[in-house]
Amino acid sequence: MATYKQIQEYIKTKHQVTIKTCWIAHAKEQLGLPIKASQRSSEGKPRVYPCPEDKLPLIKEAFEYFHLL
């Protein structure tokens, strides 16, 4: 399984866009992929930084590249 750092590096190299780790976690939730529990998570509360709609295709492409989808 790819790490968030690997996903960020892939997108940065291919698209010259910086992706936040919280966007990756939100994208995983939206696509039904498992995420690990975080001590800092605030379950039940809305995300402070949800994944922007224009970044979701880039993250989805990275998921496909790393065979997560």
PDB file of N, CA and C in Angstrom:
ATOM      1  N   MET A   1       0.849  -1.183   0.000  1.00  0.00           N
ATOM      2  CA  MET A   1       0.000   0.000   0.000  1.00  0.00           C
ATOM      3  C   MET A   1       0.891   1.242   0.000  1.00  0.00           C
ATOM      4  N   ALA A   2       0.533   2.198  -0.793  1.00  0.00           N
ATOM      5  CA  ALA A   2       1.298   3.433  -0.908  1.00  0.00           C
ATOM      6  C   ALA A   2       1.077   4.331   0.303  1.00  0.00           C
ATOM      7  N   THR A   3       2.117   5.038   0.687  1.00  0.00           N
ATOM      8  CA  THR A   3       2.003   5.989   1.789  1.00  0.00           C
ATOM      9  C   THR A   3       1.486   7.317   1.253  1.00  0.00           C
ATOM     10  N   TYR A   4       1.014   8.151   2.170  1.00  0.00           N
ATOM     11  CA  TYR A   4       0.544   9.478   1.771  1.00  0.00           C
ATOM     12  C   TYR A   4       1.692  10.258   1.132  1.00  0.00           C
ATOM     13  N   LYS A   5       2.905  10.082   1.653  1.00  0.00           N
ATOM     14  CA  LYS A   5       4.080  10.777   1.117  1.00  0.00           C
ATOM     15  C   LYS A   5       4.331  10.361  -0.330  1.00  0.00           C
ATOM     16  N   GLN A   6       4.217   9.071  -0.627  1.00  0.00           N
ATOM     17  CA  GLN A   6       4.407   8.592  -1.993  1.00  0.00           C
ATOM     18  C   GLN A   6       3.346   9.164  -2.928  1.00  0.00           C
ATOM     19  N   ILE A   7       2.108   9.230  -2.452  1.00  0.00           N
ATOM     20  CA  ILE A   7       1.027   9.795  -3.264  1.00  0.00           C
ATOM     21  C   ILE A   7       1.293  11.273  -3.528  1.00  0.00           C
ATOM     22  N   GLN A   8       1.714  12.004  -2.484  1.00  0.00           N
ATOM     23  CA  GLN A   8       2.025  13.427  -2.651  1.00  0.00           C
ATOM     24  C   GLN A   8       3.165  13.617  -3.656  1.00  0.00           C
ATOM     25  N   GLU A   9       4.211  12.819  -3.554  1.00  0.00           N
ATOM     26  CA  GLU A   9       5.360  12.940  -4.457  1.00  0.00           C
ATOM     27  C   GLU A   9       4.970  12.624  -5.894  1.00  0.00           C
ATOM     28  N   TYR A  10       4.130  11.602  -6.092  1.00  0.00           N
ATOM     29  CA  TYR A  10       3.674  11.243  -7.431  1.00  0.00           C
ATOM     30  C   TYR A  10       2.931  12.417  -8.073  1.00  0.00           C
ATOM     31  N   ILE A  11       1.998  13.002  -7.325  1.00  0.00           N
ATOM     32  CA  ILE A  11       1.205  14.116  -7.869  1.00  0.00           C
ATOM     33  C   ILE A  11       2.088  15.338  -8.099  1.00  0.00           C
ATOM     34  N   LYS A  12       3.006  15.616  -7.186  1.00  0.00           N
ATOM     35  CA  LYS A  12       3.908  16.763  -7.331  1.00  0.00           C
ATOM     36  C   LYS A  12       4.780  16.605  -8.575  1.00  0.00           C
ATOM     37  N   THR A  13       5.307  15.393  -8.795  1.00  0.00           N
ATOM     38  CA  THR A  13       6.176  15.140  -9.945  1.00  0.00           C
ATOM     39  C   THR A  13       5.401  15.210 -11.256  1.00  0.00           C
ATOM     40  N   LYS A  14       4.235  14.596 -11.289  1.00  0.00           N
ATOM     41  CA  LYS A  14       3.481  14.503 -12.536  1.00  0.00           C
ATOM     42  C   LYS A  14       2.700  15.776 -12.879  1.00  0.00           C
ATOM     43  N   HIS A  15       2.133  16.449 -11.861  1.00  0.00           N
ATOM     44  CA  HIS A  15       1.233  17.580 -12.122  1.00  0.00           C
ATOM     45  C   HIS A  15       1.711  18.904 -11.540  1.00  0.00           C
ATOM     46  N   GLN A  16       2.837  18.905 -10.823  1.00  0.00           N
ATOM     47  CA  GLN A  16       3.365  20.112 -10.178  1.00  0.00           C
ATOM     48  C   GLN A  16       2.335  20.766  -9.255  1.00  0.00           C
ATOM     49  N   VAL A  17       1.625  19.931  -8.510  1.00  0.00           N
ATOM     50  CA  VAL A  17       0.602  20.395  -7.573  1.00  0.00           C
ATOM     51  C   VAL A  17       0.909  19.786  -6.212  1.00  0.00           C
ATOM     52  N   THR A  18       0.827  20.600  -5.169  1.00  0.00           N
ATOM     53  CA  THR A  18       1.032  20.107  -3.811  1.00  0.00           C
ATOM     54  C   THR A  18      -0.310  19.699  -3.213  1.00  0.00           C
ATOM     55  N   ILE A  19      -0.358  18.489  -2.670  1.00  0.00           N
ATOM     56  CA  ILE A  19      -1.581  17.924  -2.107  1.00  0.00           C
ATOM     57  C   ILE A  19      -1.412  17.779  -0.600  1.00  0.00           C
ATOM     58  N   LYS A  20      -2.428  18.167   0.159  1.00  0.00           N
ATOM     59  CA  LYS A  20      -2.400  17.998   1.616  1.00  0.00           C
ATOM     60  C   LYS A  20      -2.795  16.570   1.968  1.00  0.00           C
ATOM     61  N   THR A  21      -2.211  16.056   3.058  1.00  0.00           N
ATOM     62  CA  THR A  21      -2.538  14.699   3.476  1.00  0.00           C
ATOM     63  C   THR A  21      -4.009  14.573   3.865  1.00  0.00           C
ATOM     64  N   CYS A  22      -4.580  15.630   4.411  1.00  0.00           N
ATOM     65  CA  CYS A  22      -5.995  15.573   4.792  1.00  0.00           C
ATOM     66  C   CYS A  22      -6.885  15.448   3.552  1.00  0.00           C
ATOM     67  N   TRP A  23      -6.435  15.974   2.414  1.00  0.00           N
ATOM     68  CA  TRP A  23      -7.182  15.813   1.166  1.00  0.00           C
ATOM     69  C   TRP A  23      -7.153  14.356   0.730  1.00  0.00           C
ATOM     70  N   ILE A  24      -6.006  13.693   0.919  1.00  0.00           N
ATOM     71  CA  ILE A  24      -5.894  12.281   0.561  1.00  0.00           C
ATOM     72  C   ILE A  24      -6.839  11.455   1.428  1.00  0.00           C
ATOM     73  N   ALA A  25      -6.862  11.734   2.722  1.00  0.00           N
ATOM     74  CA  ALA A  25      -7.755  11.012   3.630  1.00  0.00           C
ATOM     75  C   ALA A  25      -9.212  11.239   3.246  1.00  0.00           C
ATOM     76  N   HIS A  26      -9.564  12.462   2.914  1.00  0.00           N
ATOM     77  CA  HIS A  26     -10.951  12.764   2.526  1.00  0.00           C
ATOM     78  C   HIS A  26     -11.304  12.048   1.228  1.00  0.00           C
ATOM     79  N   ALA A  27     -10.361  12.025   0.273  1.00  0.00           N
ATOM     80  CA  ALA A  27     -10.602  11.330  -0.994  1.00  0.00           C
ATOM     81  C   ALA A  27     -10.801   9.839  -0.750  1.00  0.00           C
ATOM     82  N   LYS A  28     -10.014   9.266   0.162  1.00  0.00           N
ATOM     83  CA  LYS A  28     -10.188   7.857   0.496  1.00  0.00           C
ATOM     84  C   LYS A  28     -11.593   7.611   1.045  1.00  0.00           C
ATOM     85  N   GLU A  29     -12.061   8.478   1.916  1.00  0.00           N
ATOM     86  CA  GLU A  29     -13.411   8.337   2.470  1.00  0.00           C
ATOM     87  C   GLU A  29     -14.458   8.405   1.363  1.00  0.00           C
ATOM     88  N   GLN A  30     -14.302   9.371   0.456  1.00  0.00           N
ATOM     89  CA  GLN A  30     -15.270   9.550  -0.619  1.00  0.00           C
ATOM     90  C   GLN A  30     -15.301   8.348  -1.555  1.00  0.00           C
ATOM     91  N   LEU A  31     -14.143   7.717  -1.766  1.00  0.00           N
ATOM     92  CA  LEU A  31     -14.056   6.590  -2.691  1.00  0.00           C
ATOM     93  C   LEU A  31     -14.242   5.244  -2.006  1.00  0.00           C
ATOM     94  N   GLY A  32     -14.499   5.273  -0.709  1.00  0.00           N
ATOM     95  CA  GLY A  32     -14.772   4.043   0.019  1.00  0.00           C
ATOM     96  C   GLY A  32     -13.547   3.212   0.348  1.00  0.00           C
ATOM     97  N   LEU A  33     -12.380   3.834   0.361  1.00  0.00           N
ATOM     98  CA  LEU A  33     -11.154   3.130   0.721  1.00  0.00           C
ATOM     99  C   LEU A  33     -10.940   3.208   2.228  1.00  0.00           C
ATOM    100  N   PRO A  34     -10.310   2.200   2.804  1.00  0.00           N
ATOM    101  CA  PRO A  34     -10.093   2.223   4.258  1.00  0.00           C
ATOM    102  C   PRO A  34      -9.055   3.268   4.664  1.00  0.00           C
ATOM    103  N   ILE A  35      -9.299   3.920   5.790  1.00  0.00           N
ATOM    104  CA  ILE A  35      -8.322   4.856   6.346  1.00  0.00           C
ATOM    105  C   ILE A  35      -8.036   4.434   7.781  1.00  0.00           C
ATOM    106  N   LYS A  36      -6.845   4.738   8.222  1.00  0.00           N
ATOM    107  CA  LYS A  36      -6.459   4.410   9.591  1.00  0.00           C
ATOM    108  C   LYS A  36      -7.005   5.474  10.535  1.00  0.00           C
ATOM    109  N   ALA A  37      -7.321   5.051  11.745  1.00  0.00           N
ATOM    110  CA  ALA A  37      -7.805   5.981  12.755  1.00  0.00           C
ATOM    111  C   ALA A  37      -6.653   6.885  13.195  1.00  0.00           C
ATOM    112  N   SER A  38      -6.950   8.139  13.407  1.00  0.00           N
ATOM    113  CA  SER A  38      -5.954   9.100  13.847  1.00  0.00           C
ATOM    114  C   SER A  38      -6.297   9.574  15.244  1.00  0.00           C
ATOM    115  N   GLN A  39      -5.281   9.793  16.044  1.00  0.00           N
ATOM    116  CA  GLN A  39      -5.512  10.321  17.381  1.00  0.00           C
ATOM    117  C   GLN A  39      -6.081  11.728  17.316  1.00  0.00           C
ATOM    118  N   ARG A  40      -5.758  12.427  16.239  1.00  0.00           N
ATOM    119  CA  ARG A  40      -6.198  13.813  16.106  1.00  0.00           C
ATOM    120  C   ARG A  40      -7.509  13.941  15.340  1.00  0.00           C
ATOM    121  N   SER A  41      -8.119  12.818  14.962  1.00  0.00           N
ATOM    122  CA  SER A  41      -9.356  12.900  14.192  1.00  0.00           C
ATOM    123  C   SER A  41     -10.491  13.413  15.063  1.00  0.00           C
ATOM    124  N   SER A  42     -11.409  14.033  14.412  1.00  0.00           N
ATOM    125  CA  SER A  42     -12.584  14.541  15.112  1.00  0.00           C
ATOM    126  C   SER A  42     -13.805  13.911  14.455  1.00  0.00           C
ATOM    127  N   GLU A  43     -14.013  12.638  14.751  1.00  0.00           N
ATOM    128  CA  GLU A  43     -15.111  11.897  14.139  1.00  0.00           C
ATOM    129  C   GLU A  43     -16.445  12.584  14.425  1.00  0.00           C
ATOM    130  N   GLY A  44     -17.256  12.619  13.395  1.00  0.00           N
ATOM    131  CA  GLY A  44     -18.565  13.227  13.546  1.00  0.00           C
ATOM    132  C   GLY A  44     -18.582  14.715  13.230  1.00  0.00           C
ATOM    133  N   LYS A  45     -17.420  15.333  13.188  1.00  0.00           N
ATOM    134  CA  LYS A  45     -17.337  16.757  12.877  1.00  0.00           C
ATOM    135  C   LYS A  45     -16.931  16.914  11.412  1.00  0.00           C
ATOM    136  N   PRO A  46     -17.364  18.004  10.786  1.00  0.00           N
ATOM    137  CA  PRO A  46     -16.956  18.212   9.395  1.00  0.00           C
ATOM    138  C   PRO A  46     -15.445  18.450   9.302  1.00  0.00           C
ATOM    139  N   ARG A  47     -14.871  18.041   8.188  1.00  0.00           N
ATOM    140  CA  ARG A  47     -13.435  18.228   7.976  1.00  0.00           C
ATOM    141  C   ARG A  47     -13.099  19.712   7.904  1.00  0.00           C
ATOM    142  N   VAL A  48     -11.957  20.057   8.493  1.00  0.00           N
ATOM    143  CA  VAL A  48     -11.492  21.435   8.444  1.00  0.00           C
ATOM    144  C   VAL A  48     -11.035  21.763   7.028  1.00  0.00           C
ATOM    145  N   TYR A  49     -10.356  20.810   6.389  1.00  0.00           N
ATOM    146  CA  TYR A  49      -9.860  20.998   5.024  1.00  0.00           C
ATOM    147  C   TYR A  49     -10.333  19.855   4.130  1.00  0.00           C
ATOM    148  N   PRO A  50     -11.571  19.914   3.640  1.00  0.00           N
ATOM    149  CA  PRO A  50     -12.028  18.855   2.734  1.00  0.00           C
ATOM    150  C   PRO A  50     -11.293  18.945   1.396  1.00  0.00           C
ATOM    151  N   CYS A  51     -11.244  17.846   0.699  1.00  0.00           N
ATOM    152  CA  CYS A  51     -10.554  17.798  -0.590  1.00  0.00           C
ATOM    153  C   CYS A  51     -11.297  18.656  -1.614  1.00  0.00           C
ATOM    154  N   PRO A  52     -10.604  19.616  -2.245  1.00  0.00           N
ATOM    155  CA  PRO A  52     -11.259  20.413  -3.289  1.00  0.00           C
ATOM    156  C   PRO A  52     -11.630  19.530  -4.487  1.00  0.00           C
ATOM    157  N   GLU A  53     -12.733  19.827  -5.097  1.00  0.00           N
ATOM    158  CA  GLU A  53     -13.223  19.020  -6.216  1.00  0.00           C
ATOM    159  C   GLU A  53     -12.224  18.952  -7.370  1.00  0.00           C
ATOM    160  N   ASP A  54     -11.444  20.012  -7.602  1.00  0.00           N
ATOM    161  CA  ASP A  54     -10.497  19.999  -8.719  1.00  0.00           C
ATOM    162  C   ASP A  54      -9.263  19.144  -8.440  1.00  0.00           C
ATOM    163  N   LYS A  55      -9.030  18.791  -7.177  1.00  0.00           N
ATOM    164  CA  LYS A  55      -7.872  17.962  -6.815  1.00  0.00           C
ATOM    165  C   LYS A  55      -8.234  16.475  -6.748  1.00  0.00           C
ATOM    166  N   LEU A  56      -9.509  16.159  -6.630  1.00  0.00           N
ATOM    167  CA  LEU A  56      -9.946  14.778  -6.512  1.00  0.00           C
ATOM    168  C   LEU A  56      -9.519  13.918  -7.704  1.00  0.00           C
ATOM    169  N   PRO A  57      -9.635  14.372  -8.941  1.00  0.00           N
ATOM    170  CA  PRO A  57      -9.175  13.537 -10.063  1.00  0.00           C
ATOM    171  C   PRO A  57      -7.669  13.237 -10.007  1.00  0.00           C
ATOM    172  N   LEU A  58      -6.872  14.179  -9.527  1.00  0.00           N
ATOM    173  CA  LEU A  58      -5.432  13.944  -9.418  1.00  0.00           C
ATOM    174  C   LEU A  58      -5.140  12.867  -8.383  1.00  0.00           C
ATOM    175  N   ILE A  59      -5.837  12.934  -7.263  1.00  0.00           N
ATOM    176  CA  ILE A  59      -5.640  11.947  -6.206  1.00  0.00           C
ATOM    177  C   ILE A  59      -6.146  10.584  -6.662  1.00  0.00           C
ATOM    178  N   LYS A  60      -7.278  10.571  -7.360  1.00  0.00           N
ATOM    179  CA  LYS A  60      -7.823   9.314  -7.871  1.00  0.00           C
ATOM    180  C   LYS A  60      -6.851   8.680  -8.864  1.00  0.00           C
ATOM    181  N   GLU A  61      -6.232   9.480  -9.698  1.00  0.00           N
ATOM    182  CA  GLU A  61      -5.231   8.980 -10.644  1.00  0.00           C
ATOM    183  C   GLU A  61      -4.055   8.334  -9.906  1.00  0.00           C
ATOM    184  N   ALA A  62      -3.615   8.978  -8.824  1.00  0.00           N
ATOM    185  CA  ALA A  62      -2.520   8.428  -8.019  1.00  0.00           C
ATOM    186  C   ALA A  62      -2.947   7.119  -7.359  1.00  0.00           C
ATOM    187  N   PHE A  63      -4.179   7.043  -6.883  1.00  0.00           N
ATOM    188  CA  PHE A  63      -4.677   5.801  -6.301  1.00  0.00           C
ATOM    189  C   PHE A  63      -4.634   4.671  -7.332  1.00  0.00           C
ATOM    190  N   GLU A  64      -5.031   4.987  -8.560  1.00  0.00           N
ATOM    191  CA  GLU A  64      -5.010   3.982  -9.624  1.00  0.00           C
ATOM    192  C   GLU A  64      -3.568   3.581  -9.947  1.00  0.00           C
ATOM    193  N   TYR A  65      -2.672   4.540  -9.967  1.00  0.00           N
ATOM    194  CA  TYR A  65      -1.262   4.254 -10.243  1.00  0.00           C
ATOM    195  C   TYR A  65      -0.680   3.303  -9.197  1.00  0.00           C
ATOM    196  N   PHE A  66      -1.031   3.508  -7.941  1.00  0.00           N
ATOM    197  CA  PHE A  66      -0.531   2.671  -6.847  1.00  0.00           C
ATOM    198  C   PHE A  66      -1.439   1.460  -6.576  1.00  0.00           C
ATOM    199  N   HIS A  67      -2.387   1.198  -7.486  1.00  0.00           N
ATOM    200  CA  HIS A  67      -3.282   0.028  -7.416  1.00  0.00           C
ATOM    201  C   HIS A  67      -4.132   0.009  -6.142  1.00  0.00           C
ATOM    202  N   LEU A  68      -4.581   1.181  -5.717  1.00  0.00           N
ATOM    203  CA  LEU A  68      -5.478   1.252  -4.569  1.00  0.00           C
ATOM    204  C   LEU A  68      -6.940   1.185  -5.013  1.00  0.00           C
ATOM    205  N   LEU A  69      -7.181   1.484  -6.273  1.00  0.00           N
ATOM    206  CA  LEU A  69      -8.546   1.386  -6.849  1.00  0.00           C
ATOM    207  C   LEU A  69      -8.592   0.271  -7.873  1.00  0.00           C
TER     208      LEU A  69
END
